[in-house]
Amino acid sequence: MDFGLLMPQFVYVLHLVPRLHDDQAWTESDHAVIGWHFAHLKAATERGQVILAGRTDEPGHKTCGLVIFEAPDAEAALAFMASEPAVKEGIMTAILHPYAVALQRK
């Protein structure tokens, strides 16, 4: 797939499930899922699909993650978001929005 050639853009916003708002509540399994989550996004970035991914630096109940990416259409965007390991494993929720990058630092 040729990402970057006027492909529609989307953003999904990630939130930790309430159980993980307390740092002490995290299990080894939860930490493993975060590793898969990072690897998934890194691979998508390397193949040119993800434009930007990151999170706010706030306590668990306030923090959120953003993933700005390209997909051929809304259905493919929803499928990409649903393939997110943190969403699939139930430690984060995600909401998808159509998006358009207007300005980007060079």
C-alpha atoms as a PDB file:
ATOM      1  CA  MET A   1       0.000   0.000   0.000  1.00  0.00           C
ATOM      2  CA  ASP A   2       1.368   3.456  -0.882  1.00  0.00           C
ATOM      3  CA  PHE A   3       0.877   5.449   2.292  1.00  0.00           C
ATOM      4  CA  GLY A   4       1.428   9.175   1.899  1.00  0.00           C
ATOM      5  CA  LEU A   5      -0.084   9.550  -1.572  1.00  0.00           C
ATOM      6  CA  LEU A   6      -3.174  11.576  -0.667  1.00  0.00           C
ATOM      7  CA  MET A   7      -4.459   8.756   1.498  1.00  0.00           C
ATOM      8  CA  PRO A   8      -7.230   9.733   3.958  1.00  0.00           C
ATOM      9  CA  GLN A   9      -5.991  10.444   7.466  1.00  0.00           C
ATOM     10  CA  PHE A  10      -7.484   9.417  10.779  1.00  0.00           C
ATOM     11  CA  VAL A  11      -6.722   9.763  14.467  1.00  0.00           C
ATOM     12  CA  TYR A  12      -7.685   7.501  17.296  1.00  0.00           C
ATOM     13  CA  VAL A  13      -7.598   8.561  20.906  1.00  0.00           C
ATOM     14  CA  LEU A  14      -6.637   5.933  23.463  1.00  0.00           C
ATOM     15  CA  HIS A  15      -7.589   5.910  27.153  1.00  0.00           C
ATOM     16  CA  LEU A  16      -6.538   3.463  29.827  1.00  0.00           C
ATOM     17  CA  VAL A  17      -9.354   1.448  31.345  1.00  0.00           C
ATOM     18  CA  PRO A  18     -10.149   2.728  34.869  1.00  0.00           C
ATOM     19  CA  ARG A  19      -8.492  -0.299  36.524  1.00  0.00           C
ATOM     20  CA  LEU A  20      -5.119   0.952  35.253  1.00  0.00           C
ATOM     21  CA  HIS A  21      -5.425   4.519  36.521  1.00  0.00           C
ATOM     22  CA  ASP A  22      -3.551   3.313  39.624  1.00  0.00           C
ATOM     23  CA  ASP A  23       0.087   2.487  38.820  1.00  0.00           C
ATOM     24  CA  GLN A  24       0.033  -0.238  41.488  1.00  0.00           C
ATOM     25  CA  ALA A  25      -2.749  -2.102  39.645  1.00  0.00           C
ATOM     26  CA  TRP A  26      -0.625  -2.935  36.589  1.00  0.00           C
ATOM     27  CA  THR A  27       0.197  -6.619  36.115  1.00  0.00           C
ATOM     28  CA  GLU A  28       3.049  -8.246  34.196  1.00  0.00           C
ATOM     29  CA  SER A  29       0.484  -9.102  31.538  1.00  0.00           C
ATOM     30  CA  ASP A  30      -0.555  -5.441  31.234  1.00  0.00           C
ATOM     31  CA  HIS A  31       3.089  -4.414  30.779  1.00  0.00           C
ATOM     32  CA  ALA A  32       3.540  -7.111  28.120  1.00  0.00           C
ATOM     33  CA  VAL A  33       0.534  -5.747  26.214  1.00  0.00           C
ATOM     34  CA  ILE A  34       2.115  -2.272  26.264  1.00  0.00           C
ATOM     35  CA  GLY A  35       5.217  -3.811  24.670  1.00  0.00           C
ATOM     36  CA  TRP A  36       3.074  -5.343  21.908  1.00  0.00           C
ATOM     37  CA  HIS A  37       1.243  -2.016  21.528  1.00  0.00           C
ATOM     38  CA  PHE A  38       4.547  -0.179  21.015  1.00  0.00           C
ATOM     39  CA  ALA A  39       5.872  -2.808  18.577  1.00  0.00           C
ATOM     40  CA  HIS A  40       2.617  -2.674  16.583  1.00  0.00           C
ATOM     41  CA  LEU A  41       2.782   1.114  16.242  1.00  0.00           C
ATOM     42  CA  LYS A  42       6.521   1.083  15.510  1.00  0.00           C
ATOM     43  CA  ALA A  43       6.007  -1.391  12.652  1.00  0.00           C
ATOM     44  CA  ALA A  44       3.129   0.696  11.253  1.00  0.00           C
ATOM     45  CA  THR A  45       5.326   3.806  11.469  1.00  0.00           C
ATOM     46  CA  GLU A  46       8.197   2.075   9.680  1.00  0.00           C
ATOM     47  CA  ARG A  47       5.928   1.004   6.814  1.00  0.00           C
ATOM     48  CA  GLY A  48       4.654   4.601   6.482  1.00  0.00           C
ATOM     49  CA  GLN A  49       1.107   4.182   7.791  1.00  0.00           C
ATOM     50  CA  VAL A  50       1.459   5.935  11.156  1.00  0.00           C
ATOM     51  CA  ILE A  51       2.313   9.629  10.918  1.00  0.00           C
ATOM     52  CA  LEU A  52       2.595  10.280  14.655  1.00  0.00           C
ATOM     53  CA  ALA A  53       1.936   8.349  17.848  1.00  0.00           C
ATOM     54  CA  GLY A  54       2.389   9.394  21.446  1.00  0.00           C
ATOM     55  CA  ARG A  55       0.734  10.078  24.749  1.00  0.00           C
ATOM     56  CA  THR A  56       0.208  12.880  27.180  1.00  0.00           C
ATOM     57  CA  ASP A  57       2.480  12.954  30.215  1.00  0.00           C
ATOM     58  CA  GLU A  58      -0.149  13.038  32.943  1.00  0.00           C
ATOM     59  CA  PRO A  59      -1.445  10.724  35.665  1.00  0.00           C
ATOM     60  CA  GLY A  60      -3.337   7.617  34.496  1.00  0.00           C
ATOM     61  CA  HIS A  61      -6.837   9.038  34.865  1.00  0.00           C
ATOM     62  CA  LYS A  62      -5.925  12.072  32.733  1.00  0.00           C
ATOM     63  CA  THR A  63      -3.535  10.601  30.187  1.00  0.00           C
ATOM     64  CA  CYS A  64      -4.484   9.727  26.639  1.00  0.00           C
ATOM     65  CA  GLY A  65      -2.682   8.483  23.583  1.00  0.00           C
ATOM     66  CA  LEU A  66      -3.013   9.725  20.010  1.00  0.00           C
ATOM     67  CA  VAL A  67      -2.292   7.818  16.829  1.00  0.00           C
ATOM     68  CA  ILE A  68      -2.471   9.806  13.591  1.00  0.00           C
ATOM     69  CA  PHE A  69      -2.351   7.516  10.585  1.00  0.00           C
ATOM     70  CA  GLU A  70      -3.423   6.908   7.006  1.00  0.00           C
ATOM     71  CA  ALA A  71      -5.881   4.327   5.701  1.00  0.00           C
ATOM     72  CA  PRO A  72      -7.705   3.872   2.394  1.00  0.00           C
ATOM     73  CA  ASP A  73     -11.114   4.444   3.993  1.00  0.00           C
ATOM     74  CA  ALA A  74     -12.990   4.549   7.303  1.00  0.00           C
ATOM     75  CA  GLU A  75     -13.540   0.785   7.321  1.00  0.00           C
ATOM     76  CA  ALA A  76      -9.797   0.120   6.979  1.00  0.00           C
ATOM     77  CA  ALA A  77      -9.092   2.769   9.633  1.00  0.00           C
ATOM     78  CA  LEU A  78     -11.498   1.082  12.032  1.00  0.00           C
ATOM     79  CA  ALA A  79      -9.866  -2.287  11.335  1.00  0.00           C
ATOM     80  CA  PHE A  80      -6.407  -0.821  12.012  1.00  0.00           C
ATOM     81  CA  MET A  81      -7.590   0.686  15.306  1.00  0.00           C
ATOM     82  CA  ALA A  82      -9.270  -2.598  16.273  1.00  0.00           C
ATOM     83  CA  SER A  83      -6.007  -4.467  15.599  1.00  0.00           C
ATOM     84  CA  GLU A  84      -4.290  -2.347  18.252  1.00  0.00           C
ATOM     85  CA  PRO A  85      -3.016  -4.825  20.904  1.00  0.00           C
ATOM     86  CA  ALA A  86      -3.960  -2.590  23.850  1.00  0.00           C
ATOM     87  CA  VAL A  87      -7.526  -2.367  22.526  1.00  0.00           C
ATOM     88  CA  LYS A  88      -7.761  -6.063  21.641  1.00  0.00           C
ATOM     89  CA  GLU A  89      -6.490  -7.058  25.088  1.00  0.00           C
ATOM     90  CA  GLY A  90      -8.889  -4.679  26.848  1.00  0.00           C
ATOM     91  CA  ILE A  91      -6.447  -2.376  28.640  1.00  0.00           C
ATOM     92  CA  MET A  92      -7.290   0.676  26.528  1.00  0.00           C
ATOM     93  CA  THR A  93     -10.371   2.011  24.814  1.00  0.00           C
ATOM     94  CA  ALA A  94     -10.134   3.864  21.512  1.00  0.00           C
ATOM     95  CA  ILE A  95     -12.277   6.313  19.570  1.00  0.00           C
ATOM     96  CA  LEU A  96     -11.674   6.940  15.863  1.00  0.00           C
ATOM     97  CA  HIS A  97     -12.020  10.318  14.132  1.00  0.00           C
ATOM     98  CA  PRO A  98     -11.409  11.458  10.543  1.00  0.00           C
ATOM     99  CA  TYR A  99      -8.407  13.777  10.590  1.00  0.00           C
ATOM    100  CA  ALA A 100      -6.334  16.003   8.337  1.00  0.00           C
ATOM    101  CA  VAL A 101      -2.837  17.194   9.142  1.00  0.00           C
ATOM    102  CA  ALA A 102      -2.793  20.921   8.332  1.00  0.00           C
ATOM    103  CA  LEU A 103       0.684  21.923   9.506  1.00  0.00           C
ATOM    104  CA  GLN A 104       3.708  19.781  10.157  1.00  0.00           C
ATOM    105  CA  ARG A 105       7.180  20.753  11.261  1.00  0.00           C
ATOM    106  CA  LYS A 106       9.861  19.918   8.710  1.00  0.00           C
END
